[in-house]
């Protein structure tokens, strides 16, 4: 499952808030992941995998960021060229 889909599945009313509380992150951090402004750190990704019970894996976290880079919708610049 992809990260944004998992976050959306947490609550119909305020999924980013629920995800932030569950993950011990700030809501604005979760929102920045959802908008492809910056990918989760490795430590945050490990926590996402753990707290999602494995429903979200590294592919579900990082592949959407790669697609956003490729289609030009990402709002961050990677340190390496793809």
C-alpha atoms as a PDB file:
ATOM      1  CA  UNK A   1       0.000   0.000   0.000  1.00  0.00           C
ATOM      2  CA  UNK A   2       1.226   3.492  -0.749  1.00  0.00           C
ATOM      3  CA  UNK A   3       1.838   5.956   2.071  1.00  0.00           C
ATOM      4  CA  UNK A   4      -0.853   8.470   1.059  1.00  0.00           C
ATOM      5  CA  UNK A   5      -3.481   5.743   0.706  1.00  0.00           C
ATOM      6  CA  UNK A   6      -2.609   4.410   4.167  1.00  0.00           C
ATOM      7  CA  UNK A   7      -2.794   7.890   5.696  1.00  0.00           C
ATOM      8  CA  UNK A   8      -6.180   8.431   4.032  1.00  0.00           C
ATOM      9  CA  UNK A   9      -7.411   5.123   5.469  1.00  0.00           C
ATOM     10  CA  UNK A  10      -6.750   6.244   9.049  1.00  0.00           C
ATOM     11  CA  UNK A  11      -9.579   8.761   9.338  1.00  0.00           C
ATOM     12  CA  UNK A  12     -12.202  10.241   7.040  1.00  0.00           C
ATOM     13  CA  UNK A  13     -12.099  13.617   8.806  1.00  0.00           C
ATOM     14  CA  UNK A  14      -8.450  14.422   9.549  1.00  0.00           C
ATOM     15  CA  UNK A  15      -6.098  11.724   8.280  1.00  0.00           C
ATOM     16  CA  UNK A  16      -2.906  13.807   8.494  1.00  0.00           C
ATOM     17  CA  UNK A  17      -3.597  14.652  12.136  1.00  0.00           C
ATOM     18  CA  UNK A  18      -4.268  11.015  13.026  1.00  0.00           C
ATOM     19  CA  UNK A  19      -1.134   9.863  11.165  1.00  0.00           C
ATOM     20  CA  UNK A  20       0.983  12.518  12.861  1.00  0.00           C
ATOM     21  CA  UNK A  21      -0.210  11.428  16.300  1.00  0.00           C
ATOM     22  CA  UNK A  22       0.295   7.735  15.512  1.00  0.00           C
ATOM     23  CA  UNK A  23       3.782   8.297  14.099  1.00  0.00           C
ATOM     24  CA  UNK A  24       4.952  10.879  16.648  1.00  0.00           C
ATOM     25  CA  UNK A  25       5.480  13.473  13.909  1.00  0.00           C
ATOM     26  CA  UNK A  26       4.218  16.994  13.393  1.00  0.00           C
ATOM     27  CA  UNK A  27       1.146  17.312  11.217  1.00  0.00           C
ATOM     28  CA  UNK A  28       2.994  19.661   8.865  1.00  0.00           C
ATOM     29  CA  UNK A  29       5.673  16.976   8.415  1.00  0.00           C
ATOM     30  CA  UNK A  30       3.059  14.418   7.391  1.00  0.00           C
ATOM     31  CA  UNK A  31       1.443  16.977   5.086  1.00  0.00           C
ATOM     32  CA  UNK A  32       4.819  17.685   3.447  1.00  0.00           C
ATOM     33  CA  UNK A  33       5.173  13.956   2.692  1.00  0.00           C
ATOM     34  CA  UNK A  34       1.681  13.889   1.216  1.00  0.00           C
ATOM     35  CA  UNK A  35       2.422  16.869  -1.045  1.00  0.00           C
ATOM     36  CA  UNK A  36       5.785  15.400  -2.155  1.00  0.00           C
ATOM     37  CA  UNK A  37       7.703  18.307  -0.641  1.00  0.00           C
ATOM     38  CA  UNK A  38      10.166  16.002   1.098  1.00  0.00           C
ATOM     39  CA  UNK A  39      10.342  12.236   1.554  1.00  0.00           C
ATOM     40  CA  UNK A  40      10.354  10.673   5.014  1.00  0.00           C
ATOM     41  CA  UNK A  41      13.756  10.071   6.549  1.00  0.00           C
ATOM     42  CA  UNK A  42      14.952   6.490   6.861  1.00  0.00           C
ATOM     43  CA  UNK A  43      14.064   6.497  10.575  1.00  0.00           C
ATOM     44  CA  UNK A  44      10.582   7.867   9.818  1.00  0.00           C
ATOM     45  CA  UNK A  45      10.120   5.254   7.069  1.00  0.00           C
ATOM     46  CA  UNK A  46      11.020   2.458   9.503  1.00  0.00           C
ATOM     47  CA  UNK A  47       8.449   3.851  11.924  1.00  0.00           C
ATOM     48  CA  UNK A  48       5.799   4.015   9.180  1.00  0.00           C
ATOM     49  CA  UNK A  49       6.408   0.372   8.271  1.00  0.00           C
ATOM     50  CA  UNK A  50       6.192  -0.635  11.937  1.00  0.00           C
ATOM     51  CA  UNK A  51       3.131   1.461  12.844  1.00  0.00           C
ATOM     52  CA  UNK A  52       1.276   0.413   9.690  1.00  0.00           C
ATOM     53  CA  UNK A  53       1.801  -3.232  10.603  1.00  0.00           C
ATOM     54  CA  UNK A  54       3.686  -3.751   7.361  1.00  0.00           C
ATOM     55  CA  UNK A  55       0.781  -2.535   5.215  1.00  0.00           C
ATOM     56  CA  UNK A  56       3.125   0.197   3.971  1.00  0.00           C
ATOM     57  CA  UNK A  57       6.629  -0.870   2.952  1.00  0.00           C
ATOM     58  CA  UNK A  58       9.594   1.062   1.566  1.00  0.00           C
ATOM     59  CA  UNK A  59       8.228   0.727  -1.976  1.00  0.00           C
ATOM     60  CA  UNK A  60       4.948   2.229  -0.835  1.00  0.00           C
ATOM     61  CA  UNK A  61       6.804   5.092   0.791  1.00  0.00           C
ATOM     62  CA  UNK A  62       9.454   5.972  -1.787  1.00  0.00           C
ATOM     63  CA  UNK A  63       8.094   4.851  -5.189  1.00  0.00           C
ATOM     64  CA  UNK A  64       5.458   7.628  -5.206  1.00  0.00           C
ATOM     65  CA  UNK A  65       8.269  10.149  -4.681  1.00  0.00           C
ATOM     66  CA  UNK A  66      10.181   8.717  -7.641  1.00  0.00           C
ATOM     67  CA  UNK A  67       7.055   8.988  -9.813  1.00  0.00           C
ATOM     68  CA  UNK A  68       6.525  12.580  -8.658  1.00  0.00           C
ATOM     69  CA  UNK A  69      10.111  13.389  -9.627  1.00  0.00           C
ATOM     70  CA  UNK A  70       9.698  11.756 -13.013  1.00  0.00           C
ATOM     71  CA  UNK A  71       6.422  13.500 -13.832  1.00  0.00           C
ATOM     72  CA  UNK A  72       7.557  16.867 -12.480  1.00  0.00           C
ATOM     73  CA  UNK A  73       5.071  17.159  -9.614  1.00  0.00           C
ATOM     74  CA  UNK A  74       7.633  16.744  -6.819  1.00  0.00           C
ATOM     75  CA  UNK A  75       8.339  19.880  -4.836  1.00  0.00           C
ATOM     76  CA  UNK A  76      11.863  18.881  -3.809  1.00  0.00           C
ATOM     77  CA  UNK A  77      15.141  18.350  -5.598  1.00  0.00           C
ATOM     78  CA  UNK A  78      17.055  15.140  -4.884  1.00  0.00           C
ATOM     79  CA  UNK A  79      20.772  15.324  -4.237  1.00  0.00           C
ATOM     80  CA  UNK A  80      21.406  12.851  -7.046  1.00  0.00           C
ATOM     81  CA  UNK A  81      20.221  12.887 -10.625  1.00  0.00           C
ATOM     82  CA  UNK A  82      17.783  10.209 -11.736  1.00  0.00           C
END
